[in-house]
Amino acid sequence: MIPGMIFLGLVAVVVLFWAARSGQFDDLEGEAHRILMDDDADPKKKRRSPERRMPDAEDQDEG
């Protein structure tokens, strides 16, 4: 059991070093900032028509 765990540990270390050398961790901030960007700023994307929604109770006149 112990030799198997040592083997799996070595495989994990090799995969970690391979990922670091191939550039997997180069841009850590790009994806984090992309979610904050407004989609309307990109003119290439098509604009969708507004979705229909049910009026809220506040929107209805009480009379």
PDB file of N, CA and C in Angstrom:
ATOM      1  N   MET A   1       0.821  -1.189   0.000  1.00  0.00           N
ATOM      2  CA  MET A   1       0.000   0.000   0.000  1.00  0.00           C
ATOM      3  C   MET A   1       0.871   1.261   0.000  1.00  0.00           C
ATOM      4  N   ILE A   2       1.941   1.242   0.790  1.00  0.00           N
ATOM      5  CA  ILE A   2       2.821   2.406   0.882  1.00  0.00           C
ATOM      6  C   ILE A   2       3.526   2.699  -0.456  1.00  0.00           C
ATOM      7  N   PRO A   3       4.045   1.686  -1.164  1.00  0.00           N
ATOM      8  CA  PRO A   3       4.659   1.980  -2.470  1.00  0.00           C
ATOM      9  C   PRO A   3       3.662   2.597  -3.463  1.00  0.00           C
ATOM     10  N   GLY A   4       2.415   2.182  -3.391  1.00  0.00           N
ATOM     11  CA  GLY A   4       1.397   2.762  -4.271  1.00  0.00           C
ATOM     12  C   GLY A   4       1.148   4.224  -3.963  1.00  0.00           C
ATOM     13  N   MET A   5       1.121   4.575  -2.680  1.00  0.00           N
ATOM     14  CA  MET A   5       0.916   5.975  -2.291  1.00  0.00           C
ATOM     15  C   MET A   5       2.121   6.835  -2.685  1.00  0.00           C
ATOM     16  N   ILE A   6       3.321   6.265  -2.541  1.00  0.00           N
ATOM     17  CA  ILE A   6       4.517   7.003  -2.966  1.00  0.00           C
ATOM     18  C   ILE A   6       4.477   7.236  -4.477  1.00  0.00           C
ATOM     19  N   PHE A   7       4.077   6.223  -5.231  1.00  0.00           N
ATOM     20  CA  PHE A   7       3.962   6.351  -6.689  1.00  0.00           C
ATOM     21  C   PHE A   7       2.949   7.425  -7.068  1.00  0.00           C
ATOM     22  N   LEU A   8       1.768   7.414  -6.424  1.00  0.00           N
ATOM     23  CA  LEU A   8       0.749   8.426  -6.731  1.00  0.00           C
ATOM     24  C   LEU A   8       1.225   9.828  -6.351  1.00  0.00           C
ATOM     25  N   GLY A   9       1.966   9.934  -5.263  1.00  0.00           N
ATOM     26  CA  GLY A   9       2.519  11.231  -4.871  1.00  0.00           C
ATOM     27  C   GLY A   9       3.519  11.747  -5.895  1.00  0.00           C
ATOM     28  N   LEU A  10       4.371  10.873  -6.389  1.00  0.00           N
ATOM     29  CA  LEU A  10       5.339  11.269  -7.409  1.00  0.00           C
ATOM     30  C   LEU A  10       4.640  11.669  -8.709  1.00  0.00           C
ATOM     31  N   VAL A  11       3.602  10.942  -9.074  1.00  0.00           N
ATOM     32  CA  VAL A  11       2.832  11.298 -10.274  1.00  0.00           C
ATOM     33  C   VAL A  11       2.205  12.684 -10.102  1.00  0.00           C
ATOM     34  N   ALA A  12       1.671  12.992  -8.941  1.00  0.00           N
ATOM     35  CA  ALA A  12       1.067  14.302  -8.693  1.00  0.00           C
ATOM     36  C   ALA A  12       2.107  15.415  -8.787  1.00  0.00           C
ATOM     37  N   VAL A  13       3.309  15.174  -8.273  1.00  0.00           N
ATOM     38  CA  VAL A  13       4.377  16.173  -8.349  1.00  0.00           C
ATOM     39  C   VAL A  13       4.793  16.396  -9.798  1.00  0.00           C
ATOM     40  N   VAL A  14       4.909  15.319 -10.566  1.00  0.00           N
ATOM     41  CA  VAL A  14       5.282  15.434 -11.979  1.00  0.00           C
ATOM     42  C   VAL A  14       4.221  16.215 -12.746  1.00  0.00           C
ATOM     43  N   VAL A  15       2.946  15.949 -12.485  1.00  0.00           N
ATOM     44  CA  VAL A  15       1.864  16.670 -13.163  1.00  0.00           C
ATOM     45  C   VAL A  15       1.885  18.147 -12.775  1.00  0.00           C
ATOM     46  N   LEU A  16       2.161  18.449 -11.523  1.00  0.00           N
ATOM     47  CA  LEU A  16       2.244  19.838 -11.077  1.00  0.00           C
ATOM     48  C   LEU A  16       3.369  20.581 -11.795  1.00  0.00           C
ATOM     49  N   PHE A  17       4.547  19.964 -11.869  1.00  0.00           N
ATOM     50  CA  PHE A  17       5.659  20.612 -12.564  1.00  0.00           C
ATOM     51  C   PHE A  17       5.379  20.747 -14.055  1.00  0.00           C
ATOM     52  N   TRP A  18       4.752  19.752 -14.669  1.00  0.00           N
ATOM     53  CA  TRP A  18       4.398  19.843 -16.089  1.00  0.00           C
ATOM     54  C   TRP A  18       3.440  21.007 -16.332  1.00  0.00           C
ATOM     55  N   ALA A  19       2.443  21.154 -15.470  1.00  0.00           N
ATOM     56  CA  ALA A  19       1.479  22.247 -15.627  1.00  0.00           C
ATOM     57  C   ALA A  19       2.154  23.600 -15.461  1.00  0.00           C
ATOM     58  N   ALA A  20       3.071  23.711 -14.527  1.00  0.00           N
ATOM     59  CA  ALA A  20       3.771  24.982 -14.310  1.00  0.00           C
ATOM     60  C   ALA A  20       4.670  25.328 -15.490  1.00  0.00           C
ATOM     61  N   ARG A  21       5.343  24.354 -16.044  1.00  0.00           N
ATOM     62  CA  ARG A  21       6.243  24.616 -17.171  1.00  0.00           C
ATOM     63  C   ARG A  21       5.486  24.878 -18.465  1.00  0.00           C
ATOM     64  N   SER A  22       4.272  24.357 -18.620  1.00  0.00           N
ATOM     65  CA  SER A  22       3.526  24.544 -19.868  1.00  0.00           C
ATOM     66  C   SER A  22       2.682  25.813 -19.850  1.00  0.00           C
ATOM     67  N   GLY A  23       2.726  26.588 -18.763  1.00  0.00           N
ATOM     68  CA  GLY A  23       2.054  27.878 -18.740  1.00  0.00           C
ATOM     69  C   GLY A  23       0.632  27.853 -18.216  1.00  0.00           C
ATOM     70  N   GLN A  24       0.262  26.831 -17.508  1.00  0.00           N
ATOM     71  CA  GLN A  24      -1.095  26.735 -16.995  1.00  0.00           C
ATOM     72  C   GLN A  24      -1.406  27.792 -15.942  1.00  0.00           C
ATOM     73  N   PHE A  25      -0.390  28.282 -15.260  1.00  0.00           N
ATOM     74  CA  PHE A  25      -0.600  29.217 -14.161  1.00  0.00           C
ATOM     75  C   PHE A  25      -0.119  30.626 -14.498  1.00  0.00           C
ATOM     76  N   ASP A  26       0.047  30.943 -15.779  1.00  0.00           N
ATOM     77  CA  ASP A  26       0.582  32.246 -16.168  1.00  0.00           C
ATOM     78  C   ASP A  26      -0.391  33.390 -15.916  1.00  0.00           C
ATOM     79  N   ASP A  27      -1.664  33.225 -16.268  1.00  0.00           N
ATOM     80  CA  ASP A  27      -2.633  34.315 -16.156  1.00  0.00           C
ATOM     81  C   ASP A  27      -3.683  33.963 -15.111  1.00  0.00           C
ATOM     82  N   LEU A  28      -3.363  34.232 -13.858  1.00  0.00           N
ATOM     83  CA  LEU A  28      -4.294  33.908 -12.780  1.00  0.00           C
ATOM     84  C   LEU A  28      -5.355  34.983 -12.607  1.00  0.00           C
ATOM     85  N   GLU A  29      -5.092  36.211 -13.035  1.00  0.00           N
ATOM     86  CA  GLU A  29      -6.020  37.321 -12.830  1.00  0.00           C
ATOM     87  C   GLU A  29      -6.992  37.504 -13.995  1.00  0.00           C
ATOM     88  N   GLY A  30      -6.665  37.020 -15.178  1.00  0.00           N
ATOM     89  CA  GLY A  30      -7.486  37.256 -16.364  1.00  0.00           C
ATOM     90  C   GLY A  30      -8.909  36.757 -16.221  1.00  0.00           C
ATOM     91  N   GLU A  31      -9.071  35.526 -15.815  1.00  0.00           N
ATOM     92  CA  GLU A  31     -10.414  34.957 -15.668  1.00  0.00           C
ATOM     93  C   GLU A  31     -11.165  35.601 -14.509  1.00  0.00           C
ATOM     94  N   ALA A  32     -10.447  36.006 -13.489  1.00  0.00           N
ATOM     95  CA  ALA A  32     -11.105  36.642 -12.340  1.00  0.00           C
ATOM     96  C   ALA A  32     -11.673  38.003 -12.730  1.00  0.00           C
ATOM     97  N   HIS A  33     -10.992  38.719 -13.605  1.00  0.00           N
ATOM     98  CA  HIS A  33     -11.477  40.038 -14.029  1.00  0.00           C
ATOM     99  C   HIS A  33     -12.512  39.933 -15.139  1.00  0.00           C
ATOM    100  N   ARG A  34     -12.488  38.870 -15.911  1.00  0.00           N
ATOM    101  CA  ARG A  34     -13.415  38.716 -17.032  1.00  0.00           C
ATOM    102  C   ARG A  34     -14.869  38.659 -16.558  1.00  0.00           C
ATOM    103  N   ILE A  35     -15.103  38.074 -15.406  1.00  0.00           N
ATOM    104  CA  ILE A  35     -16.466  37.955 -14.909  1.00  0.00           C
ATOM    105  C   ILE A  35     -17.024  39.317 -14.498  1.00  0.00           C
ATOM    106  N   LEU A  36     -16.130  40.262 -14.188  1.00  0.00           N
ATOM    107  CA  LEU A  36     -16.568  41.593 -13.773  1.00  0.00           C
ATOM    108  C   LEU A  36     -16.807  42.525 -14.954  1.00  0.00           C
ATOM    109  N   MET A  37     -16.343  42.150 -16.143  1.00  0.00           N
ATOM    110  CA  MET A  37     -16.499  43.009 -17.316  1.00  0.00           C
ATOM    111  C   MET A  37     -17.950  43.011 -17.777  1.00  0.00           C
ATOM    112  N   ASP A  38     -18.379  44.165 -18.293  1.00  0.00           N
ATOM    113  CA  ASP A  38     -19.738  44.317 -18.786  1.00  0.00           C
ATOM    114  C   ASP A  38     -19.817  43.776 -20.208  1.00  0.00           C
ATOM    115  N   ASP A  39     -20.791  42.932 -20.497  1.00  0.00           N
ATOM    116  CA  ASP A  39     -20.932  42.354 -21.823  1.00  0.00           C
ATOM    117  C   ASP A  39     -21.356  43.387 -22.860  1.00  0.00           C
ATOM    118  N   ASP A  40     -21.994  44.482 -22.441  1.00  0.00           N
ATOM    119  CA  ASP A  40     -22.439  45.497 -23.385  1.00  0.00           C
ATOM    120  C   ASP A  40     -21.277  46.269 -23.989  1.00  0.00           C
ATOM    121  N   ALA A  41     -20.114  46.213 -23.385  1.00  0.00           N
ATOM    122  CA  ALA A  41     -18.962  46.938 -23.893  1.00  0.00           C
ATOM    123  C   ALA A  41     -18.396  46.281 -25.149  1.00  0.00           C
ATOM    124  N   ASP A  42     -18.753  45.052 -25.431  1.00  0.00           N
ATOM    125  CA  ASP A  42     -18.250  44.338 -26.595  1.00  0.00           C
ATOM    126  C   ASP A  42     -19.239  44.503 -27.745  1.00  0.00           C
ATOM    127  N   PRO A  43     -18.931  45.320 -28.760  1.00  0.00           N
ATOM    128  CA  PRO A  43     -19.890  45.558 -29.849  1.00  0.00           C
ATOM    129  C   PRO A  43     -20.056  44.358 -30.772  1.00  0.00           C
ATOM    130  N   LYS A  44     -19.160  43.375 -30.712  1.00  0.00           N
ATOM    131  CA  LYS A  44     -19.255  42.221 -31.596  1.00  0.00           C
ATOM    132  C   LYS A  44     -20.353  41.251 -31.176  1.00  0.00           C
ATOM    133  N   LYS A  45     -20.698  41.276 -29.909  1.00  0.00           N
ATOM    134  CA  LYS A  45     -21.715  40.352 -29.419  1.00  0.00           C
ATOM    135  C   LYS A  45     -23.101  40.869 -29.776  1.00  0.00           C
ATOM    136  N   LYS A  46     -23.981  39.942 -30.121  1.00  0.00           N
ATOM    137  CA  LYS A  46     -25.357  40.325 -30.434  1.00  0.00           C
ATOM    138  C   LYS A  46     -26.097  40.689 -29.160  1.00  0.00           C
ATOM    139  N   ARG A  47     -26.948  41.673 -29.270  1.00  0.00           N
ATOM    140  CA  ARG A  47     -27.772  42.050 -28.125  1.00  0.00           C
ATOM    141  C   ARG A  47     -29.051  41.235 -28.176  1.00  0.00           C
ATOM    142  N   ARG A  48     -29.401  40.691 -27.058  1.00  0.00           N
ATOM    143  CA  ARG A  48     -30.652  39.935 -26.972  1.00  0.00           C
ATOM    144  C   ARG A  48     -31.782  40.877 -26.614  1.00  0.00           C
ATOM    145  N   SER A  49     -32.967  40.520 -27.073  1.00  0.00           N
ATOM    146  CA  SER A  49     -34.124  41.318 -26.700  1.00  0.00           C
ATOM    147  C   SER A  49     -34.426  41.071 -25.229  1.00  0.00           C
ATOM    148  N   PRO A  50     -34.993  42.069 -24.564  1.00  0.00           N
ATOM    149  CA  PRO A  50     -35.281  41.872 -23.137  1.00  0.00           C
ATOM    150  C   PRO A  50     -36.284  40.736 -22.939  1.00  0.00           C
ATOM    151  N   GLU A  51     -36.064  40.016 -21.884  1.00  0.00           N
ATOM    152  CA  GLU A  51     -36.956  38.896 -21.587  1.00  0.00           C
ATOM    153  C   GLU A  51     -38.253  39.415 -20.983  1.00  0.00           C
ATOM    154  N   ARG A  52     -39.321  38.741 -21.306  1.00  0.00           N
ATOM    155  CA  ARG A  52     -40.597  39.110 -20.705  1.00  0.00           C
ATOM    156  C   ARG A  52     -40.643  38.557 -19.293  1.00  0.00           C
ATOM    157  N   ARG A  53     -41.190  39.347 -18.397  1.00  0.00           N
ATOM    158  CA  ARG A  53     -41.281  38.894 -17.011  1.00  0.00           C
ATOM    159  C   ARG A  53     -42.643  39.274 -16.461  1.00  0.00           C
ATOM    160  N   MET A  54     -43.009  38.599 -15.434  1.00  0.00           N
ATOM    161  CA  MET A  54     -44.277  38.882 -14.782  1.00  0.00           C
ATOM    162  C   MET A  54     -44.142  40.174 -13.987  1.00  0.00           C
ATOM    163  N   PRO A  55     -45.147  41.034 -13.993  1.00  0.00           N
ATOM    164  CA  PRO A  55     -45.040  42.263 -13.195  1.00  0.00           C
ATOM    165  C   PRO A  55     -45.039  41.938 -11.710  1.00  0.00           C
ATOM    166  N   ASP A  56     -44.244  42.692 -10.983  1.00  0.00           N
ATOM    167  CA  ASP A  56     -44.197  42.515  -9.537  1.00  0.00           C
ATOM    168  C   ASP A  56     -45.447  43.116  -8.908  1.00  0.00           C
ATOM    169  N   ALA A  57     -45.678  42.785  -7.661  1.00  0.00           N
ATOM    170  CA  ALA A  57     -46.837  43.342  -6.953  1.00  0.00           C
ATOM    171  C   ALA A  57     -46.681  44.858  -6.818  1.00  0.00           C
ATOM    172  N   GLU A  58     -45.448  45.334  -6.757  1.00  0.00           N
ATOM    173  CA  GLU A  58     -45.218  46.772  -6.656  1.00  0.00           C
ATOM    174  C   GLU A  58     -45.560  47.494  -7.945  1.00  0.00           C
ATOM    175  N   ASP A  59     -45.441  46.776  -9.092  1.00  0.00           N
ATOM    176  CA  ASP A  59     -45.706  47.386 -10.385  1.00  0.00           C
ATOM    177  C   ASP A  59     -47.197  47.568 -10.653  1.00  0.00           C
ATOM    178  N   GLN A  60     -48.046  46.811  -9.995  1.00  0.00           N
ATOM    179  CA  GLN A  60     -49.477  46.857 -10.264  1.00  0.00           C
ATOM    180  C   GLN A  60     -50.133  47.987  -9.474  1.00  0.00           C
ATOM    181  N   ASP A  61     -51.095  48.617 -10.117  1.00  0.00           N
ATOM    182  CA  ASP A  61     -51.857  49.669  -9.437  1.00  0.00           C
ATOM    183  C   ASP A  61     -52.874  49.034  -8.498  1.00  0.00           C
ATOM    184  N   GLU A  62     -52.941  49.579  -7.315  1.00  0.00           N
ATOM    185  CA  GLU A  62     -53.985  49.142  -6.397  1.00  0.00           C
ATOM    186  C   GLU A  62     -55.100  50.166  -6.485  1.00  0.00           C
ATOM    187  N   GLY A  63     -56.286  49.731  -6.792  1.00  0.00           N
ATOM    188  CA  GLY A  63     -57.315  50.736  -6.996  1.00  0.00           C
ATOM    189  C   GLY A  63     -58.583  50.394  -6.480  1.00  0.00           C
TER     190      GLY A  63
END
